[in-house]
All heavy atoms as atom14 arrays in JSON, in Angstrom:
{
  "sequence": "RNTRKKAHNRAAQQARKLTGGKFLRLMGKSAGLAII",
  "atom14_mask": [
    [1, 1, 1, 1, 1, 1, 1, 1, 1, 1, 1, 0, 0, 0],
    [1, 1, 1, 1, 1, 1, 1, 1, 0, 0, 0, 0, 0, 0],
    [1, 1, 1, 1, 1, 1, 1, 0, 0, 0, 0, 0, 0, 0],
    [1, 1, 1, 1, 1, 1, 1, 1, 1, 1, 1, 0, 0, 0],
    [1, 1, 1, 1, 1, 1, 1, 1, 1, 0, 0, 0, 0, 0],
    [1, 1, 1, 1, 1, 1, 1, 1, 1, 0, 0, 0, 0, 0],
    [1, 1, 1, 1, 1, 0, 0, 0, 0, 0, 0, 0, 0, 0],
    [1, 1, 1, 1, 1, 1, 1, 1, 1, 1, 0, 0, 0, 0],
    [1, 1, 1, 1, 1, 1, 1, 1, 0, 0, 0, 0, 0, 0],
    [1, 1, 1, 1, 1, 1, 1, 1, 1, 1, 1, 0, 0, 0],
    [1, 1, 1, 1, 1, 0, 0, 0, 0, 0, 0, 0, 0, 0],
    [1, 1, 1, 1, 1, 0, 0, 0, 0, 0, 0, 0, 0, 0],
    [1, 1, 1, 1, 1, 1, 1, 1, 1, 0, 0, 0, 0, 0],
    [1, 1, 1, 1, 1, 1, 1, 1, 1, 0, 0, 0, 0, 0],
    [1, 1, 1, 1, 1, 0, 0, 0, 0, 0, 0, 0, 0, 0],
    [1, 1, 1, 1, 1, 1, 1, 1, 1, 1, 1, 0, 0, 0],
    [1, 1, 1, 1, 1, 1, 1, 1, 1, 0, 0, 0, 0, 0],
    [1, 1, 1, 1, 1, 1, 1, 1, 0, 0, 0, 0, 0, 0],
    [1, 1, 1, 1, 1, 1, 1, 0, 0, 0, 0, 0, 0, 0],
    [1, 1, 1, 1, 0, 0, 0, 0, 0, 0, 0, 0, 0, 0],
    [1, 1, 1, 1, 0, 0, 0, 0, 0, 0, 0, 0, 0, 0],
    [1, 1, 1, 1, 1, 1, 1, 1, 1, 0, 0, 0, 0, 0],
    [1, 1, 1, 1, 1, 1, 1, 1, 1, 1, 1, 0, 0, 0],
    [1, 1, 1, 1, 1, 1, 1, 1, 0, 0, 0, 0, 0, 0],
    [1, 1, 1, 1, 1, 1, 1, 1, 1, 1, 1, 0, 0, 0],
    [1, 1, 1, 1, 1, 1, 1, 1, 0, 0, 0, 0, 0, 0],
    [1, 1, 1, 1, 1, 1, 1, 1, 0, 0, 0, 0, 0, 0],
    [1, 1, 1, 1, 0, 0, 0, 0, 0, 0, 0, 0, 0, 0],
    [1, 1, 1, 1, 1, 1, 1, 1, 1, 0, 0, 0, 0, 0],
    [1, 1, 1, 1, 1, 1, 0, 0, 0, 0, 0, 0, 0, 0],
    [1, 1, 1, 1, 1, 0, 0, 0, 0, 0, 0, 0, 0, 0],
    [1, 1, 1, 1, 0, 0, 0, 0, 0, 0, 0, 0, 0, 0],
    [1, 1, 1, 1, 1, 1, 1, 1, 0, 0, 0, 0, 0, 0],
    [1, 1, 1, 1, 1, 0, 0, 0, 0, 0, 0, 0, 0, 0],
    [1, 1, 1, 1, 1, 1, 1, 1, 0, 0, 0, 0, 0, 0],
    [1, 1, 1, 1, 1, 1, 1, 1, 0, 0, 0, 0, 0, 0]
  ],
  "atom14_positions": [
    [[11.06, 9.94, -17.96], [11.15, 9.07, -16.78], [9.76, 8.63, -16.34], [9.52, 7.46, -16.06], [11.86, 9.81, -15.66], [12.05, 8.98, -14.42], [12.92, 9.74, -13.41], [13.18, 8.93, -12.25], [12.5, 9.01, -11.12], [11.51, 9.88, -11.01], [12.8, 8.23, -10.1], [0.0, 0.0, 0.0], [0.0, 0.0, 0.0], [0.0, 0.0, 0.0]],
    [[8.81, 9.56, -16.29], [7.45, 9.22, -15.88], [6.78, 8.31, -16.91], [6.04, 7.41, -16.54], [6.61, 10.48, -15.69], [6.98, 11.22, -14.43], [7.59, 10.66, -13.53], [6.6, 12.49, -14.35], [0.0, 0.0, 0.0], [0.0, 0.0, 0.0], [0.0, 0.0, 0.0], [0.0, 0.0, 0.0], [0.0, 0.0, 0.0], [0.0, 0.0, 0.0]],
    [[7.06, 8.54, -18.17], [6.5, 7.7, -19.22], [7.03, 6.28, -19.1], [6.28, 5.31, -19.2], [6.83, 8.28, -20.61], [6.41, 9.65, -20.65], [6.12, 7.51, -21.7], [0.0, 0.0, 0.0], [0.0, 0.0, 0.0], [0.0, 0.0, 0.0], [0.0, 0.0, 0.0], [0.0, 0.0, 0.0], [0.0, 0.0, 0.0], [0.0, 0.0, 0.0]],
    [[8.33, 6.15, -18.87], [8.93, 4.83, -18.68], [8.34, 4.14, -17.46], [8.06, 2.95, -17.48], [10.44, 4.94, -18.51], [11.17, 4.97, -19.79], [12.67, 4.84, -19.53], [13.34, 5.76, -20.42], [14.32, 6.55, -20.11], [14.81, 6.56, -18.91], [14.85, 7.36, -21.0], [0.0, 0.0, 0.0], [0.0, 0.0, 0.0], [0.0, 0.0, 0.0]],
    [[8.19, 4.9, -16.38], [7.67, 4.34, -15.14], [6.23, 3.84, -15.33], [5.88, 2.76, -14.88], [7.72, 5.41, -14.05], [7.44, 4.92, -12.67], [7.66, 6.04, -11.67], [7.41, 5.57, -10.27], [7.59, 6.65, -9.3], [0.0, 0.0, 0.0], [0.0, 0.0, 0.0], [0.0, 0.0, 0.0], [0.0, 0.0, 0.0], [0.0, 0.0, 0.0]],
    [[5.41, 4.62, -16.02], [4.03, 4.2, -16.28], [3.99, 2.97, -17.17], [3.2, 2.05, -16.94], [3.24, 5.34, -16.94], [2.72, 6.35, -15.99], [1.78, 7.3, -16.68], [1.18, 8.25, -15.7], [0.18, 9.13, -16.33], [0.0, 0.0, 0.0], [0.0, 0.0, 0.0], [0.0, 0.0, 0.0], [0.0, 0.0, 0.0], [0.0, 0.0, 0.0]],
    [[4.85, 2.94, -18.18], [4.89, 1.78, -19.07], [5.33, 0.53, -18.31], [4.77, -0.56, -18.49], [5.83, 2.04, -20.24], [0.0, 0.0, 0.0], [0.0, 0.0, 0.0], [0.0, 0.0, 0.0], [0.0, 0.0, 0.0], [0.0, 0.0, 0.0], [0.0, 0.0, 0.0], [0.0, 0.0, 0.0], [0.0, 0.0, 0.0], [0.0, 0.0, 0.0]],
    [[6.31, 0.68, -17.44], [6.77, -0.45, -16.63], [5.68, -0.93, -15.68], [5.46, -2.13, -15.53], [8.03, -0.08, -15.85], [8.52, -1.18, -14.98], [9.12, -2.3, -15.5], [8.48, -1.34, -13.64], [9.42, -3.12, -14.51], [9.06, -2.55, -13.37], [0.0, 0.0, 0.0], [0.0, 0.0, 0.0], [0.0, 0.0, 0.0], [0.0, 0.0, 0.0]],
    [[5.0, -0.01, -15.03], [3.92, -0.37, -14.11], [2.79, -1.08, -14.85], [2.22, -2.05, -14.34], [3.39, 0.85, -13.38], [4.37, 1.38, -12.36], [5.28, 0.68, -11.95], [4.2, 2.62, -11.97], [0.0, 0.0, 0.0], [0.0, 0.0, 0.0], [0.0, 0.0, 0.0], [0.0, 0.0, 0.0], [0.0, 0.0, 0.0], [0.0, 0.0, 0.0]],
    [[2.46, -0.6, -16.05], [1.42, -1.24, -16.85], [1.83, -2.67, -17.23], [1.03, -3.6, -17.15], [1.16, -0.41, -18.11], [-0.28, -0.28, -18.46], [-0.55, 0.62, -19.66], [-0.07, 1.98, -19.48], [0.85, 2.58, -20.24], [1.39, 1.94, -21.24], [1.23, 3.81, -20.01], [0.0, 0.0, 0.0], [0.0, 0.0, 0.0], [0.0, 0.0, 0.0]],
    [[3.09, -2.83, -17.64], [3.59, -4.15, -18.01], [3.61, -5.09, -16.81], [3.28, -6.27, -16.93], [4.98, -4.03, -18.63], [0.0, 0.0, 0.0], [0.0, 0.0, 0.0], [0.0, 0.0, 0.0], [0.0, 0.0, 0.0], [0.0, 0.0, 0.0], [0.0, 0.0, 0.0], [0.0, 0.0, 0.0], [0.0, 0.0, 0.0], [0.0, 0.0, 0.0]],
    [[4.0, -4.57, -15.65], [4.05, -5.39, -14.44], [2.65, -5.83, -14.04], [2.44, -6.99, -13.65], [4.71, -4.62, -13.31], [0.0, 0.0, 0.0], [0.0, 0.0, 0.0], [0.0, 0.0, 0.0], [0.0, 0.0, 0.0], [0.0, 0.0, 0.0], [0.0, 0.0, 0.0], [0.0, 0.0, 0.0], [0.0, 0.0, 0.0], [0.0, 0.0, 0.0]],
    [[1.7, -4.93, -14.14], [0.33, -5.27, -13.79], [-0.23, -6.33, -14.74], [-0.9, -7.26, -14.32], [-0.53, -4.01, -13.83], [-1.92, -4.19, -13.29], [-2.68, -2.88, -13.29], [-2.4, -1.99, -14.1], [-3.64, -2.75, -12.41], [0.0, 0.0, 0.0], [0.0, 0.0, 0.0], [0.0, 0.0, 0.0], [0.0, 0.0, 0.0], [0.0, 0.0, 0.0]],
    [[0.08, -6.19, -16.0], [-0.38, -7.17, -17.0], [0.28, -8.53, -16.77], [-0.36, -9.56, -16.91], [-0.06, -6.66, -18.4], [-0.61, -7.52, -19.52], [-2.12, -7.47, -19.59], [-2.74, -6.52, -19.15], [-2.7, -8.5, -20.15], [0.0, 0.0, 0.0], [0.0, 0.0, 0.0], [0.0, 0.0, 0.0], [0.0, 0.0, 0.0], [0.0, 0.0, 0.0]],
    [[1.55, -8.54, -16.41], [2.28, -9.79, -16.23], [1.79, -10.55, -15.0], [1.83, -11.77, -14.97], [3.78, -9.52, -16.1], [0.0, 0.0, 0.0], [0.0, 0.0, 0.0], [0.0, 0.0, 0.0], [0.0, 0.0, 0.0], [0.0, 0.0, 0.0], [0.0, 0.0, 0.0], [0.0, 0.0, 0.0], [0.0, 0.0, 0.0], [0.0, 0.0, 0.0]],
    [[1.32, -9.83, -13.99], [0.87, -10.48, -12.76], [-0.49, -11.14, -12.89], [-0.87, -11.92, -12.03], [0.81, -9.46, -11.62], [2.15, -9.22, -11.01], [2.01, -8.35, -9.77], [2.97, -7.28, -9.88], [2.68, -6.0, -9.94], [1.45, -5.59, -9.86], [3.63, -5.1, -10.06], [0.0, 0.0, 0.0], [0.0, 0.0, 0.0], [0.0, 0.0, 0.0]],
    [[-1.24, -10.83, -13.93], [-2.56, -11.41, -14.09], [-2.46, -12.91, -14.29], [-1.66, -13.39, -15.08], [-3.29, -10.78, -15.27], [-3.75, -9.39, -15.03], [-4.55, -8.87, -16.19], [-4.97, -7.45, -15.95], [-5.7, -6.91, -17.1], [0.0, 0.0, 0.0], [0.0, 0.0, 0.0], [0.0, 0.0, 0.0], [0.0, 0.0, 0.0], [0.0, 0.0, 0.0]],
    [[-3.28, -13.64, -13.55], [-3.27, -15.09, -13.64], [-4.29, -15.51, -14.7], [-5.48, -15.23, -14.59], [-3.62, -15.72, -12.29], [-3.58, -17.22, -12.23], [-2.16, -17.72, -12.5], [-4.05, -17.72, -10.89], [0.0, 0.0, 0.0], [0.0, 0.0, 0.0], [0.0, 0.0, 0.0], [0.0, 0.0, 0.0], [0.0, 0.0, 0.0], [0.0, 0.0, 0.0]],
    [[-3.81, -16.17, -15.72], [-4.68, -16.68, -16.77], [-4.64, -18.2, -16.74], [-3.8, -18.8, -16.07], [-4.24, -16.18, -18.16], [-2.92, -16.67, -18.42], [-4.24, -14.66, -18.23], [0.0, 0.0, 0.0], [0.0, 0.0, 0.0], [0.0, 0.0, 0.0], [0.0, 0.0, 0.0], [0.0, 0.0, 0.0], [0.0, 0.0, 0.0], [0.0, 0.0, 0.0]],
    [[-5.54, -18.81, -17.48], [-5.58, -20.26, -17.52], [-4.3, -20.87, -18.07], [-3.78, -21.85, -17.55], [0.0, 0.0, 0.0], [0.0, 0.0, 0.0], [0.0, 0.0, 0.0], [0.0, 0.0, 0.0], [0.0, 0.0, 0.0], [0.0, 0.0, 0.0], [0.0, 0.0, 0.0], [0.0, 0.0, 0.0], [0.0, 0.0, 0.0], [0.0, 0.0, 0.0]],
    [[-3.78, -20.27, -19.13], [-2.55, -20.78, -19.74], [-1.36, -20.67, -18.81], [-0.55, -21.59, -18.69], [0.0, 0.0, 0.0], [0.0, 0.0, 0.0], [0.0, 0.0, 0.0], [0.0, 0.0, 0.0], [0.0, 0.0, 0.0], [0.0, 0.0, 0.0], [0.0, 0.0, 0.0], [0.0, 0.0, 0.0], [0.0, 0.0, 0.0], [0.0, 0.0, 0.0]],
    [[-1.24, -19.51, -18.14], [-0.13, -19.33, -17.2], [-0.23, -20.32, -16.05], [0.76, -20.89, -15.62], [-0.14, -17.9, -16.63], [0.38, -16.86, -17.57], [0.39, -15.53, -16.86], [0.89, -14.42, -17.74], [0.9, -13.13, -17.04], [0.0, 0.0, 0.0], [0.0, 0.0, 0.0], [0.0, 0.0, 0.0], [0.0, 0.0, 0.0], [0.0, 0.0, 0.0]],
    [[-1.46, -20.54, -15.57], [-1.66, -21.47, -14.46], [-1.28, -22.89, -14.87], [-0.6, -23.59, -14.12], [-3.12, -21.42, -14.01], [-3.43, -22.35, -12.88], [-3.0, -22.06, -11.6], [-4.13, -23.52, -13.09], [-3.26, -22.92, -10.55], [-4.4, -24.38, -12.05], [-3.97, -24.08, -10.78], [0.0, 0.0, 0.0], [0.0, 0.0, 0.0], [0.0, 0.0, 0.0]],
    [[-1.7, -23.31, -16.05], [-1.37, -24.66, -16.51], [0.14, -24.83, -16.72], [0.71, -25.88, -16.38], [-2.12, -24.98, -17.8], [-3.62, -25.22, -17.63], [-4.28, -25.42, -19.0], [-3.88, -26.41, -16.74], [0.0, 0.0, 0.0], [0.0, 0.0, 0.0], [0.0, 0.0, 0.0], [0.0, 0.0, 0.0], [0.0, 0.0, 0.0], [0.0, 0.0, 0.0]],
    [[0.79, -23.81, -17.3], [2.24, -23.9, -17.47], [2.97, -23.96, -16.13], [3.93, -24.72, -15.96], [2.74, -22.74, -18.31], [2.47, -22.92, -19.8], [3.17, -21.86, -20.63], [2.64, -20.52, -20.41], [1.56, -20.02, -21.01], [0.89, -20.75, -21.87], [1.17, -18.79, -20.77], [0.0, 0.0, 0.0], [0.0, 0.0, 0.0], [0.0, 0.0, 0.0]],
    [[2.51, -23.16, -15.16], [3.11, -23.18, -13.84], [2.94, -24.54, -13.18], [3.88, -25.09, -12.59], [2.5, -22.09, -12.95], [2.99, -22.01, -11.52], [4.48, -21.69, -11.48], [2.2, -20.97, -10.75], [0.0, 0.0, 0.0], [0.0, 0.0, 0.0], [0.0, 0.0, 0.0], [0.0, 0.0, 0.0], [0.0, 0.0, 0.0], [0.0, 0.0, 0.0]],
    [[1.75, -25.12, -13.28], [1.51, -26.45, -12.69], [2.35, -27.52, -13.39], [2.88, -28.42, -12.75], [0.03, -26.81, -12.77], [-0.84, -26.01, -11.83], [-0.39, -26.24, -10.1], [0.27, -24.65, -9.7], [0.0, 0.0, 0.0], [0.0, 0.0, 0.0], [0.0, 0.0, 0.0], [0.0, 0.0, 0.0], [0.0, 0.0, 0.0], [0.0, 0.0, 0.0]],
    [[2.47, -27.41, -14.71], [3.29, -28.38, -15.45], [4.75, -28.3, -15.07], [5.41, -29.33, -14.83], [0.0, 0.0, 0.0], [0.0, 0.0, 0.0], [0.0, 0.0, 0.0], [0.0, 0.0, 0.0], [0.0, 0.0, 0.0], [0.0, 0.0, 0.0], [0.0, 0.0, 0.0], [0.0, 0.0, 0.0], [0.0, 0.0, 0.0], [0.0, 0.0, 0.0]],
    [[5.27, -27.08, -15.0], [6.67, -26.89, -14.6], [6.9, -27.39, -13.17], [7.9, -28.07, -12.89], [7.07, -25.42, -14.66], [7.23, -24.85, -16.04], [7.61, -23.39, -15.89], [7.57, -22.62, -17.15], [7.9, -21.2, -16.93], [0.0, 0.0, 0.0], [0.0, 0.0, 0.0], [0.0, 0.0, 0.0], [0.0, 0.0, 0.0], [0.0, 0.0, 0.0]],
    [[5.97, -27.06, -12.27], [6.12, -27.47, -10.87], [6.05, -28.99, -10.74], [6.83, -29.57, -9.98], [5.02, -26.84, -10.02], [5.14, -25.44, -10.04], [0.0, 0.0, 0.0], [0.0, 0.0, 0.0], [0.0, 0.0, 0.0], [0.0, 0.0, 0.0], [0.0, 0.0, 0.0], [0.0, 0.0, 0.0], [0.0, 0.0, 0.0], [0.0, 0.0, 0.0]],
    [[5.13, -29.62, -11.44], [5.01, -31.08, -11.37], [6.26, -31.75, -11.94], [6.77, -32.71, -11.36], [3.76, -31.54, -12.13], [0.0, 0.0, 0.0], [0.0, 0.0, 0.0], [0.0, 0.0, 0.0], [0.0, 0.0, 0.0], [0.0, 0.0, 0.0], [0.0, 0.0, 0.0], [0.0, 0.0, 0.0], [0.0, 0.0, 0.0], [0.0, 0.0, 0.0]],
    [[6.76, -31.24, -13.06], [7.98, -31.8, -13.65], [9.16, -31.66, -12.71], [9.95, -32.6, -12.53], [0.0, 0.0, 0.0], [0.0, 0.0, 0.0], [0.0, 0.0, 0.0], [0.0, 0.0, 0.0], [0.0, 0.0, 0.0], [0.0, 0.0, 0.0], [0.0, 0.0, 0.0], [0.0, 0.0, 0.0], [0.0, 0.0, 0.0], [0.0, 0.0, 0.0]],
    [[9.3, -30.49, -12.1], [10.4, -30.27, -11.16], [10.26, -31.18, -9.94], [11.25, -31.74, -9.47], [10.44, -28.8, -10.73], [11.58, -28.41, -9.8], [12.92, -28.61, -10.48], [11.41, -26.97, -9.36], [0.0, 0.0, 0.0], [0.0, 0.0, 0.0], [0.0, 0.0, 0.0], [0.0, 0.0, 0.0], [0.0, 0.0, 0.0], [0.0, 0.0, 0.0]],
    [[9.03, -31.35, -9.43], [8.82, -32.21, -8.27], [9.18, -33.67, -8.59], [9.78, -34.35, -7.77], [7.36, -32.12, -7.81], [0.0, 0.0, 0.0], [0.0, 0.0, 0.0], [0.0, 0.0, 0.0], [0.0, 0.0, 0.0], [0.0, 0.0, 0.0], [0.0, 0.0, 0.0], [0.0, 0.0, 0.0], [0.0, 0.0, 0.0], [0.0, 0.0, 0.0]],
    [[8.83, -34.13, -9.79], [9.16, -35.49, -10.18], [10.68, -35.67, -10.28], [11.23, -36.67, -9.81], [8.46, -35.85, -11.51], [6.96, -35.97, -11.27], [9.02, -37.13, -12.11], [6.14, -36.08, -12.54], [0.0, 0.0, 0.0], [0.0, 0.0, 0.0], [0.0, 0.0, 0.0], [0.0, 0.0, 0.0], [0.0, 0.0, 0.0], [0.0, 0.0, 0.0]],
    [[11.35, -34.7, -10.88], [12.81, -34.79, -11.01], [13.48, -34.78, -9.65], [14.38, -35.59, -9.37], [13.33, -33.64, -11.9], [12.89, -33.85, -13.35], [14.85, -33.53, -11.81], [13.14, -32.67, -14.24], [0.0, 0.0, 0.0], [0.0, 0.0, 0.0], [0.0, 0.0, 0.0], [0.0, 0.0, 0.0], [0.0, 0.0, 0.0], [0.0, 0.0, 0.0]]
  ]
}
């Protein structure tokens, strides 16, 4: 259980990091949705 919890926390922390690629994809998706 503790091993799973640590692995999940590590994955969540990694997923929350803002990178250039994630930022560009988010802006592209948001702009496309706003246009639609």
